Amino acid sequence: QVQLVESGGGLVQPGGSLRLSCAASGFTFSSYAMSWYRQAPGKERELVARISSVGGSTNYADSVKGRFTISRDNPKNTVYLQMNSLKLEDTAVYYCNAKWGLVSFWGQGTQVIVSS
């Protein structure tokens, strides 16, 4: 069955870094665009970053441009989110998403807490 398993979340101080990973299985990973979304308490889920199926195109939310980097390793069926210079407002549950046409899969999320 389809699985997206996020990992790498945790507690970090402002200015610190984390690297999130999303391991995919059960579908043809290399055919899907992959994204990271986040949802903070009391807020709607928002797109953080997206990478095309072959990795040639990336998009970022304005709030994370220059700080976050999305990448993927198709042979390993994994997508990453390198998060640097973390801010308090980056605190959220981060979700991995796979999308191909109208087909979309979600992971269960990993918590990121930025706090001093």
Protein backbone atom coordinates (compact mmCIF):
# COMPACT_ATOMS: atom_id res chain seq x y z
CA GLN A 1 0.00 0.00 0.00
CA VAL A 2 0.99 3.64 -0.37
CA GLN A 3 3.08 5.03 2.44
CA LEU A 4 4.71 8.38 3.04
CA VAL A 5 6.70 8.39 6.26
CA GLU A 6 8.13 11.66 7.49
CA SER A 7 10.99 11.90 9.96
CA GLY A 8 13.50 14.40 11.26
CA GLY A 9 11.26 16.74 13.17
CA GLY A 10 12.00 17.89 16.68
CA LEU A 11 12.78 20.78 18.96
CA VAL A 12 15.31 23.35 17.77
CA GLN A 13 16.36 26.81 18.86
CA PRO A 14 15.81 29.85 16.65
CA GLY A 15 18.55 30.06 14.05
CA GLY A 16 19.06 26.32 14.09
CA SER A 17 18.63 23.74 11.36
CA LEU A 18 16.70 20.55 10.76
CA ARG A 19 16.50 18.15 7.87
CA LEU A 20 13.19 16.45 7.25
CA SER A 21 12.93 13.24 5.25
CA CYS A 22 9.94 11.58 3.63
CA ALA A 23 10.32 7.96 2.60
CA ALA A 24 7.81 6.82 -0.02
CA SER A 25 6.62 3.38 -1.00
CA GLY A 26 3.76 1.72 -2.84
CA PHE A 27 3.73 3.96 -5.90
CA THR A 28 6.04 5.10 -8.69
CA PHE A 29 7.84 7.81 -6.77
CA SER A 30 9.73 9.21 -9.75
CA SER A 31 6.47 10.06 -11.53
CA TYR A 32 5.11 12.24 -8.75
CA ALA A 33 5.74 15.84 -7.86
CA MET A 34 6.59 16.01 -4.18
CA SER A 35 5.78 18.77 -1.75
CA TRP A 36 6.14 19.76 1.87
CA TYR A 37 3.23 21.45 3.58
CA ARG A 38 2.92 22.66 7.13
CA GLN A 39 0.12 23.42 9.51
CA ALA A 40 0.56 25.55 12.59
CA PRO A 41 -1.96 25.45 15.46
CA GLY A 42 -5.10 27.31 14.53
CA LYS A 43 -3.96 27.90 10.96
CA GLU A 44 -4.67 26.34 7.61
CA ARG A 45 -2.26 23.95 5.98
CA GLU A 46 0.09 25.81 3.66
CA LEU A 47 2.49 24.84 0.92
CA VAL A 48 6.13 25.20 1.93
CA ALA A 49 8.03 23.80 -1.05
CA ARG A 50 7.45 21.69 -4.14
CA ILE A 51 9.78 19.78 -6.42
CA SER A 52 8.97 18.33 -9.81
CA SER A 53 9.08 14.63 -10.52
CA VAL A 54 12.59 14.69 -11.93
CA GLY A 55 13.78 17.42 -9.61
CA GLY A 56 14.40 20.05 -12.24
CA SER A 57 11.93 22.57 -10.87
CA THR A 58 11.34 23.81 -7.35
CA ASN A 59 8.99 26.34 -5.79
CA TYR A 60 8.97 27.86 -2.33
CA ALA A 61 6.68 29.87 -0.16
CA ASP A 62 7.94 33.42 0.19
CA SER A 63 8.29 32.92 3.93
CA VAL A 64 10.94 30.20 3.50
CA LYS A 65 12.81 31.31 0.38
CA GLY A 66 16.54 31.40 0.97
CA ARG A 67 16.24 29.35 4.16
CA PHE A 68 14.68 26.03 3.09
CA THR A 69 15.76 23.69 0.33
CA ILE A 70 13.72 20.83 -1.07
CA SER A 71 15.45 17.96 -2.83
CA ARG A 72 14.71 14.39 -3.83
CA ASP A 73 16.55 11.15 -4.39
CA ASN A 74 14.47 9.12 -6.80
CA PRO A 75 16.49 5.88 -6.48
CA LYS A 76 15.92 6.07 -2.71
CA ASN A 77 12.25 7.12 -3.05
CA THR A 78 12.90 9.95 -0.63
CA VAL A 79 12.28 13.67 -0.55
CA TYR A 80 14.05 16.02 1.83
CA LEU A 81 13.52 19.45 3.30
CA GLN A 82 16.62 21.16 4.61
CA MET A 83 15.54 23.93 6.96
CA ASN A 84 18.10 26.53 8.02
CA SER A 85 17.84 29.73 10.02
CA LEU A 86 14.67 28.48 11.65
CA LYS A 87 12.30 31.00 13.14
CA LEU A 88 9.66 30.75 15.83
CA GLU A 89 7.00 31.02 13.14
CA ASP A 90 8.28 27.87 11.45
CA THR A 91 6.75 25.86 14.29
CA ALA A 92 4.21 23.49 12.75
CA VAL A 93 3.45 19.95 11.77
CA TYR A 94 5.17 19.30 8.45
CA TYR A 95 3.51 16.99 5.95
CA CYS A 96 4.85 15.27 2.88
CA ASN A 97 2.63 15.16 -0.21
CA ALA A 98 2.90 13.22 -3.46
CA LYS A 99 0.84 14.38 -6.43
CA TRP A 100 0.30 13.14 -9.96
CA GLY A 101 -2.66 14.63 -11.78
CA LEU A 102 -5.66 14.21 -9.49
CA VAL A 103 -3.95 11.56 -7.40
CA SER A 104 -2.56 12.80 -4.10
CA PHE A 105 -1.08 11.05 -1.09
CA TRP A 106 -0.24 12.44 2.35
CA GLY A 107 2.06 11.43 5.12
CA GLN A 108 1.15 11.51 8.79
CA GLY A 109 3.29 14.54 9.56
CA THR A 110 6.28 15.34 11.73
CA GLN A 111 6.32 18.02 14.41
CA VAL A 112 8.81 20.86 14.25
CA ILE A 113 9.05 23.14 17.26
CA VAL A 114 11.25 26.20 17.17
CA SER A 115 11.68 27.56 20.65
CA SER A 116 14.29 29.16 22.85
